[in-house]
């Protein structure tokens, strides 16, 4: 992206919140007791969701979870079956003209949905529909073309663009309107990995500079981590957990959220001892220690991320570990994953570890091999039943 644009151009073209983001005490966008039914089937049931002014909220979940339905309701493009949507603290009256409120928002979909005209004309479309003065509109369009690194494509026909170029055009078309709220419907999902990584990096910078309130839906954990100030996990139409990325990814509230955020070891056990903030859990005939306040006698789910488990040769006594947990087990599966390998170890329960491909080769990792698996007590998350 071009950083040489003049300060005057930037001030006139970027949203007013760019210089001093507004932090109203009221949520910029809010849903209360929102449900959507298709016939007898409830596809969305969200008791409460609030997006603060200037915040980037990432709602993630598997395909079919209801993410797009939620976004369409918040964008005022679908009326929920029941419940209330508020924009800037004001309740939406669905029988009234919603165009003025919708014009305070901008929506970017997975498909860019560009008109069969030039890039420049596509970006200018919304300004023209709003009756913006030609000179002012031209300056704003020029700024955002440069900001997304597509100024050299201004005269290019939209149908000739690559996927990444088309999505940059779509994002520029949305942000040139200086929306109060930006809604993103998986805008990076159809892009190849290098193009997606570059655009996410650029988008993170733009959102930081403009302070635009943003709600993004995605099924990609990395996108949510990269962009979200807070993240929510939507499963089967229900918003199971909302919190900071660290809270949600490290301390999921249930097994389905744990699975979605990448915790691959989830095993049932019972706490047999609790002392000085460390719980000892019997699971699969083994004892696992966890930093947890859960008391003895409680049934729990033991959760461990694969990257937090270290594999050691069972026969190599020189490989010492300071981790409180070190379990013996037998390799039951080795799954190559490019530069890494996922190893499933039977420790009385399936435990998944992620190692480099080189380490797997050096250890002669094979099914039936006896290994030790070490991990810190602080890496183990317990979910109470």
Protein backbone atom coordinates (compact mmCIF):
# COMPACT_ATOMS: atom_id res chain seq x y z
CA UNK A 1 0.00 0.00 0.00
CA UNK A 2 1.20 3.52 -0.76
CA UNK A 3 2.24 5.54 2.29
CA UNK A 4 3.17 8.70 0.35
CA UNK A 5 -0.35 10.16 0.09
CA UNK A 6 -0.48 13.69 1.44
CA UNK A 7 -1.84 14.46 4.90
CA UNK A 8 -4.57 16.69 3.45
CA UNK A 9 -5.75 13.95 1.13
CA UNK A 10 -5.79 11.46 3.98
CA UNK A 11 -7.80 13.77 6.22
CA UNK A 12 -10.42 14.41 3.56
CA UNK A 13 -10.72 10.84 2.31
CA UNK A 14 -10.55 8.73 5.45
CA UNK A 15 -13.43 8.36 7.93
CA UNK A 16 -13.70 11.09 10.54
CA UNK A 17 -12.83 8.50 13.16
CA UNK A 18 -9.35 8.12 11.65
CA UNK A 19 -7.94 11.09 13.54
CA UNK A 20 -9.79 10.46 16.81
CA UNK A 21 -11.88 7.26 16.96
CA UNK A 22 -15.26 7.78 18.62
CA UNK A 23 -15.73 5.67 21.75
CA UNK A 24 -19.40 6.12 22.59
CA UNK A 25 -20.67 4.63 25.83
CA UNK A 26 -23.41 2.97 23.78
CA UNK A 27 -22.64 -0.05 21.58
CA UNK A 28 -22.34 0.82 17.90
CA UNK A 29 -24.21 -2.36 17.01
CA UNK A 30 -26.31 -4.55 19.28
CA UNK A 31 -28.52 -7.62 19.06
CA UNK A 32 -30.85 -8.68 21.88
CA UNK A 33 -32.82 -11.95 21.92
CA UNK A 34 -32.44 -12.26 18.15
CA UNK A 35 -33.78 -15.45 16.62
CA UNK A 36 -34.22 -16.55 13.02
CA UNK A 37 -36.43 -19.48 12.08
CA UNK A 38 -36.74 -21.27 8.78
CA UNK A 39 -40.08 -23.01 9.23
CA UNK A 40 -39.85 -25.00 12.45
CA UNK A 41 -36.04 -24.91 12.48
CA UNK A 42 -34.21 -22.34 14.60
CA UNK A 43 -31.08 -21.34 12.67
CA UNK A 44 -30.03 -18.46 14.93
CA UNK A 45 -30.58 -17.80 18.62
CA UNK A 46 -28.46 -14.97 20.05
CA UNK A 47 -29.59 -13.62 23.44
CA UNK A 48 -27.02 -10.81 23.45
CA UNK A 49 -24.24 -9.40 21.28
CA UNK A 50 -22.79 -5.88 21.44
CA UNK A 51 -20.04 -4.36 19.30
CA UNK A 52 -18.42 -1.27 20.79
CA UNK A 53 -17.59 1.83 18.76
CA UNK A 54 -14.17 1.44 17.16
CA UNK A 55 -13.98 -2.28 17.96
CA UNK A 56 -13.22 -5.12 15.56
CA UNK A 57 -15.40 -8.10 16.45
CA UNK A 58 -14.71 -11.42 14.69
CA UNK A 59 -17.49 -14.01 14.78
CA UNK A 60 -16.15 -17.42 13.83
CA UNK A 61 -17.72 -20.81 13.47
CA UNK A 62 -18.02 -23.84 11.20
CA UNK A 63 -19.95 -23.83 7.94
CA UNK A 64 -23.69 -23.79 8.55
CA UNK A 65 -23.38 -22.28 12.02
CA UNK A 66 -25.54 -19.25 11.13
CA UNK A 67 -22.76 -16.69 10.73
CA UNK A 68 -24.04 -15.16 7.49
CA UNK A 69 -27.59 -15.06 8.83
CA UNK A 70 -26.35 -13.10 11.86
CA UNK A 71 -24.43 -10.66 9.66
CA UNK A 72 -27.44 -10.08 7.38
CA UNK A 73 -29.60 -9.28 10.42
CA UNK A 74 -27.04 -6.84 11.81
CA UNK A 75 -26.65 -5.26 8.35
CA UNK A 76 -30.45 -4.76 8.29
CA UNK A 77 -30.70 -6.90 5.17
CA UNK A 78 -32.74 -9.64 6.89
CA UNK A 79 -35.43 -9.10 9.48
CA UNK A 80 -35.05 -11.54 12.38
CA UNK A 81 -38.02 -13.65 13.40
CA UNK A 82 -37.88 -12.05 16.82
CA UNK A 83 -35.63 -9.83 18.89
CA UNK A 84 -34.21 -6.35 18.59
CA UNK A 85 -31.35 -4.80 16.62
CA UNK A 86 -29.95 -1.46 17.77
CA UNK A 87 -27.65 0.83 15.80
CA UNK A 88 -25.89 3.50 17.85
CA UNK A 89 -28.28 2.78 20.70
CA UNK A 90 -31.39 3.34 18.58
CA UNK A 91 -33.76 0.38 18.09
CA UNK A 92 -34.53 -0.55 14.48
CA UNK A 93 -38.18 -0.12 13.48
CA UNK A 94 -38.54 -2.58 10.64
CA UNK A 95 -41.69 -1.01 9.25
CA UNK A 96 -39.92 2.29 8.60
CA UNK A 97 -37.54 3.38 5.85
CA UNK A 98 -34.19 1.78 6.76
CA UNK A 99 -32.16 3.33 3.93
CA UNK A 100 -30.72 6.21 6.03
CA UNK A 101 -29.50 3.73 8.67
CA UNK A 102 -28.16 1.28 6.09
CA UNK A 103 -26.17 4.13 4.56
CA UNK A 104 -24.27 4.42 7.82
CA UNK A 105 -22.97 0.90 7.13
CA UNK A 106 -21.00 -0.84 4.40
CA UNK A 107 -21.01 -4.57 3.67
CA UNK A 108 -18.31 -6.57 1.87
CA UNK A 109 -19.16 -10.11 0.81
CA UNK A 110 -17.00 -13.10 -0.09
CA UNK A 111 -17.80 -12.46 -3.76
CA UNK A 112 -16.74 -8.91 -4.71
CA UNK A 113 -19.96 -8.27 -6.74
CA UNK A 114 -18.35 -5.65 -8.98
CA UNK A 115 -20.12 -3.91 -11.84
CA UNK A 116 -18.92 -4.49 -15.41
CA UNK A 117 -17.04 -1.22 -15.57
CA UNK A 118 -13.66 0.15 -14.49
CA UNK A 119 -12.09 -0.22 -11.06
CA UNK A 120 -12.28 3.53 -10.53
CA UNK A 121 -15.98 3.67 -11.40
CA UNK A 122 -16.72 0.74 -9.11
CA UNK A 123 -15.06 2.47 -6.16
CA UNK A 124 -16.87 5.73 -6.92
CA UNK A 125 -20.30 4.12 -7.23
CA UNK A 126 -21.52 4.64 -3.66
CA UNK A 127 -20.33 8.24 -3.56
CA UNK A 128 -22.15 8.96 -6.80
CA UNK A 129 -25.37 7.44 -5.45
CA UNK A 130 -25.05 9.67 -2.39
CA UNK A 131 -24.70 12.77 -4.54
CA UNK A 132 -21.12 13.54 -3.47
CA UNK A 133 -19.48 16.44 -5.34
CA UNK A 134 -17.36 15.20 -8.23
CA UNK A 135 -14.08 16.80 -7.13
CA UNK A 136 -14.44 15.55 -3.57
CA UNK A 137 -15.44 12.08 -4.74
CA UNK A 138 -12.48 11.92 -7.14
CA UNK A 139 -10.03 12.73 -4.34
CA UNK A 140 -11.55 10.13 -2.00
CA UNK A 141 -11.49 7.46 -4.70
CA UNK A 142 -7.88 8.25 -5.55
CA UNK A 143 -6.91 7.98 -1.88
CA UNK A 144 -8.49 4.56 -1.38
CA UNK A 145 -7.16 3.17 -4.65
CA UNK A 146 -3.68 4.11 -3.45
CA UNK A 147 -4.37 2.87 0.08
CA UNK A 148 -5.18 -0.62 -1.21
CA UNK A 149 -2.34 -0.59 -3.77
CA UNK A 150 -4.60 -0.70 -6.85
CA UNK A 151 -4.20 2.84 -8.22
CA UNK A 152 -2.45 1.37 -11.29
CA UNK A 153 -5.65 -0.59 -12.00
CA UNK A 154 -7.96 2.46 -11.98
CA UNK A 155 -8.84 2.22 -15.69
CA UNK A 156 -8.87 -1.58 -15.80
CA UNK A 157 -12.18 -3.34 -16.43
CA UNK A 158 -13.34 -5.13 -13.27
CA UNK A 159 -13.97 -8.41 -15.12
CA UNK A 160 -10.23 -8.70 -15.90
CA UNK A 161 -9.10 -8.53 -12.24
CA UNK A 162 -7.63 -11.37 -10.21
CA UNK A 163 -9.46 -12.48 -7.07
CA UNK A 164 -7.22 -10.43 -4.79
CA UNK A 165 -7.46 -7.32 -6.97
CA UNK A 166 -11.25 -7.63 -7.11
CA UNK A 167 -11.54 -7.92 -3.33
CA UNK A 168 -9.24 -4.93 -2.81
CA UNK A 169 -11.56 -3.00 -5.13
CA UNK A 170 -14.58 -4.14 -3.14
CA UNK A 171 -12.99 -3.08 0.16
CA UNK A 172 -12.00 0.31 -1.28
CA UNK A 173 -15.59 0.78 -2.52
CA UNK A 174 -16.85 0.18 1.01
CA UNK A 175 -14.32 2.29 2.92
CA UNK A 176 -14.52 5.27 0.57
CA UNK A 177 -17.99 5.82 2.06
CA UNK A 178 -16.48 6.40 5.54
CA UNK A 179 -19.03 4.02 7.09
CA UNK A 180 -19.75 4.11 10.81
CA UNK A 181 -19.84 0.31 10.75
CA UNK A 182 -18.17 -2.13 8.35
CA UNK A 183 -19.53 -5.67 8.02
CA UNK A 184 -17.31 -8.31 6.41
CA UNK A 185 -18.79 -11.61 5.22
CA UNK A 186 -15.73 -13.89 4.84
CA UNK A 187 -14.04 -11.51 2.37
CA UNK A 188 -10.75 -13.44 2.36
CA UNK A 189 -12.12 -16.99 2.06
CA UNK A 190 -11.79 -17.36 -1.73
CA UNK A 191 -8.21 -16.06 -1.94
CA UNK A 192 -5.02 -18.10 -2.21
CA UNK A 193 -2.84 -18.12 0.97
CA UNK A 194 -0.22 -15.50 -0.07
CA UNK A 195 -2.87 -13.10 -1.41
CA UNK A 196 -5.01 -13.59 1.68
CA UNK A 197 -2.10 -13.00 4.07
CA UNK A 198 -1.14 -9.78 2.28
CA UNK A 199 -4.70 -8.43 2.24
CA UNK A 200 -5.33 -9.31 5.90
CA UNK A 201 -2.15 -7.45 6.85
CA UNK A 202 -3.23 -4.39 4.87
CA UNK A 203 -6.76 -4.56 6.28
CA UNK A 204 -5.46 -4.72 9.86
CA UNK A 205 -3.50 -1.54 9.25
CA UNK A 206 -6.49 0.23 7.67
CA UNK A 207 -8.81 -0.65 10.55
CA UNK A 208 -6.24 0.51 13.08
CA UNK A 209 -5.83 3.84 11.28
CA UNK A 210 -9.52 4.54 10.68
CA UNK A 211 -10.97 3.20 13.92
CA UNK A 212 -13.93 1.88 11.95
CA UNK A 213 -16.32 -0.27 13.97
CA UNK A 214 -16.14 -3.67 12.27
CA UNK A 215 -17.96 -6.97 12.52
CA UNK A 216 -16.37 -9.79 10.55
CA UNK A 217 -17.54 -13.36 10.17
CA UNK A 218 -15.13 -16.13 9.29
CA UNK A 219 -14.53 -19.86 9.61
CA UNK A 220 -10.76 -19.27 9.71
CA UNK A 221 -9.17 -19.06 13.17
CA UNK A 222 -6.09 -17.24 11.90
CA UNK A 223 -8.22 -14.44 10.41
CA UNK A 224 -10.05 -13.98 13.71
CA UNK A 225 -6.77 -13.89 15.64
CA UNK A 226 -5.18 -11.44 13.19
CA UNK A 227 -8.02 -8.91 13.11
CA UNK A 228 -10.32 -9.33 16.10
CA UNK A 229 -10.11 -7.22 19.26
CA UNK A 230 -12.69 -9.69 20.52
CA UNK A 231 -13.89 -12.95 19.04
CA UNK A 232 -17.12 -14.89 19.33
CA UNK A 233 -17.73 -18.55 18.52
CA UNK A 234 -21.04 -19.41 16.87
CA UNK A 235 -21.99 -23.11 16.84
CA UNK A 236 -25.35 -24.44 15.61
CA UNK A 237 -26.83 -20.94 15.66
CA UNK A 238 -25.80 -20.26 19.25
CA UNK A 239 -23.16 -17.79 20.37
CA UNK A 240 -21.28 -20.07 22.75
CA UNK A 241 -18.48 -17.75 23.86
CA UNK A 242 -17.33 -14.14 23.42
CA UNK A 243 -14.07 -12.73 24.73
CA UNK A 244 -10.58 -11.63 23.85
CA UNK A 245 -8.67 -13.96 21.50
CA UNK A 246 -6.53 -15.14 24.43
CA UNK A 247 -9.59 -15.93 26.56
CA UNK A 248 -11.43 -17.86 23.88
CA UNK A 249 -8.47 -19.75 22.41
CA UNK A 250 -6.90 -20.65 25.76
CA UNK A 251 -10.04 -21.19 27.85
CA UNK A 252 -12.95 -22.49 25.74
CA UNK A 253 -16.21 -22.98 27.61
CA UNK A 254 -17.22 -26.33 26.12
CA UNK A 255 -15.98 -29.22 23.98
CA UNK A 256 -17.38 -27.86 20.70
CA UNK A 257 -15.73 -24.49 21.16
CA UNK A 258 -12.50 -26.24 22.15
CA UNK A 259 -12.55 -28.32 18.98
CA UNK A 260 -13.21 -25.30 16.79
CA UNK A 261 -10.39 -23.20 18.25
CA UNK A 262 -7.87 -25.97 17.56
CA UNK A 263 -7.72 -27.95 20.80
CA UNK A 264 -7.38 -31.52 19.55
CA UNK A 265 -6.92 -33.39 22.82
CA UNK A 266 -10.21 -33.42 24.72
CA UNK A 267 -10.61 -36.28 27.20
CA UNK A 268 -12.94 -36.89 30.15
CA UNK A 269 -11.54 -37.30 33.65
CA UNK A 270 -12.14 -36.65 37.34
CA UNK A 271 -10.25 -34.34 39.67
CA UNK A 272 -8.76 -36.47 42.47
CA UNK A 273 -6.77 -33.78 44.26
CA UNK A 274 -6.52 -29.99 44.44
CA UNK A 275 -3.59 -28.34 46.13
CA UNK A 276 -2.14 -24.83 45.84
CA UNK A 277 -4.01 -24.10 42.62
CA UNK A 278 -2.96 -27.31 40.85
CA UNK A 279 -5.54 -29.98 40.12
CA UNK A 280 -4.61 -33.61 39.62
CA UNK A 281 -6.93 -35.33 37.17
CA UNK A 282 -7.28 -39.03 36.57
CA UNK A 283 -7.85 -39.56 32.88
CA UNK A 284 -7.47 -42.84 31.00
CA UNK A 285 -5.57 -44.40 33.90
CA UNK A 286 -3.02 -41.56 33.91
CA UNK A 287 -2.61 -38.55 36.19
CA UNK A 288 -2.58 -35.15 34.48
CA UNK A 289 -1.79 -31.98 36.41
CA UNK A 290 -3.42 -28.67 35.51
CA UNK A 291 -3.33 -25.13 36.87
CA UNK A 292 -7.01 -24.94 37.77
CA UNK A 293 -9.23 -24.04 40.75
CA UNK A 294 -11.63 -26.95 40.12
CA UNK A 295 -11.96 -29.03 43.29
CA UNK A 296 -11.57 -32.75 43.86
CA UNK A 297 -14.55 -34.89 42.95
CA UNK A 298 -15.56 -32.88 39.90
CA UNK A 299 -15.76 -34.44 36.47
CA UNK A 300 -13.93 -32.43 33.82
CA UNK A 301 -12.78 -32.38 30.24
CA UNK A 302 -9.00 -32.22 29.88
CA UNK A 303 -8.00 -29.97 26.96
CA UNK A 304 -4.54 -29.60 25.40
CA UNK A 305 -3.43 -27.86 22.21
CA UNK A 306 -1.20 -30.02 19.95
CA UNK A 307 1.55 -27.38 19.81
CA UNK A 308 1.85 -27.49 23.63
CA UNK A 309 2.80 -31.19 23.69
CA UNK A 310 6.45 -32.23 23.25
CA UNK A 311 7.41 -35.73 22.10
CA UNK A 312 10.48 -37.41 23.58
CA UNK A 313 12.06 -40.78 22.88
CA UNK A 314 11.09 -43.25 25.57
CA UNK A 315 14.60 -44.75 25.61
CA UNK A 316 16.58 -41.50 25.69
CA UNK A 317 17.12 -40.63 29.37
CA UNK A 318 19.24 -37.61 28.46
CA UNK A 319 16.11 -35.84 27.24
CA UNK A 320 14.96 -34.30 30.50
CA UNK A 321 11.95 -32.04 30.90
CA UNK A 322 10.87 -29.54 33.54
CA UNK A 323 7.20 -29.96 32.60
CA UNK A 324 5.00 -31.34 35.39
CA UNK A 325 3.34 -33.78 33.00
CA UNK A 326 5.31 -36.52 31.26
CA UNK A 327 3.23 -39.48 30.07
CA UNK A 328 4.27 -42.67 28.33
CA UNK A 329 2.27 -43.81 25.35
CA UNK A 330 2.23 -45.59 22.02
CA UNK A 331 2.07 -43.85 18.66
CA UNK A 332 -1.19 -44.77 16.96
CA UNK A 333 -1.08 -42.39 13.96
CA UNK A 334 1.39 -40.17 12.13
CA UNK A 335 -0.19 -37.63 9.77
CA UNK A 336 2.19 -35.60 7.55
CA UNK A 337 1.18 -31.91 7.21
CA UNK A 338 3.72 -30.27 4.92
CA UNK A 339 6.59 -29.05 7.12
CA UNK A 340 4.92 -30.54 10.21
CA UNK A 341 3.45 -33.84 11.32
CA UNK A 342 0.50 -34.51 13.61
CA UNK A 343 1.19 -37.47 15.91
CA UNK A 344 -1.59 -39.23 17.83
CA UNK A 345 -0.33 -41.00 20.96
CA UNK A 346 -2.38 -43.52 22.95
CA UNK A 347 -1.77 -42.58 26.59
CA UNK A 348 -4.87 -44.36 27.82
CA UNK A 349 -6.64 -41.57 25.94
CA UNK A 350 -5.80 -40.08 22.51
CA UNK A 351 -3.27 -37.26 22.88
CA UNK A 352 -2.33 -35.20 19.81
CA UNK A 353 1.09 -33.58 19.40
CA UNK A 354 2.40 -31.39 16.60
CA UNK A 355 6.06 -31.81 15.64
CA UNK A 356 8.23 -30.67 12.78
CA UNK A 357 8.65 -33.07 9.89
CA UNK A 358 12.38 -33.09 10.61
CA UNK A 359 11.84 -34.11 14.24
CA UNK A 360 9.52 -36.93 13.16
CA UNK A 361 12.21 -38.25 10.80
CA UNK A 362 15.01 -37.92 13.39
CA UNK A 363 12.92 -39.84 15.94
CA UNK A 364 11.98 -42.49 13.35
CA UNK A 365 8.39 -41.81 14.32
CA UNK A 366 6.21 -44.81 13.44
CA UNK A 367 2.98 -46.47 14.53
CA UNK A 368 3.59 -48.74 17.54
CA UNK A 369 6.59 -46.79 18.82
CA UNK A 370 6.70 -46.04 22.55
CA UNK A 371 7.27 -42.36 23.35
CA UNK A 372 7.00 -39.87 26.19
CA UNK A 373 4.78 -36.82 25.92
CA UNK A 374 5.55 -33.82 28.10
CA UNK A 375 3.53 -30.66 28.64
CA UNK A 376 3.21 -27.96 31.28
CA UNK A 377 0.43 -27.88 33.83
CA UNK A 378 -0.35 -24.33 32.69
CA UNK A 379 -0.98 -25.62 29.15
CA UNK A 380 -3.83 -27.88 30.32
CA UNK A 381 -7.31 -26.33 30.37
CA UNK A 382 -10.07 -28.01 32.36
CA UNK A 383 -13.74 -27.63 31.48
CA UNK A 384 -16.09 -28.56 34.30
CA UNK A 385 -19.03 -30.75 33.39
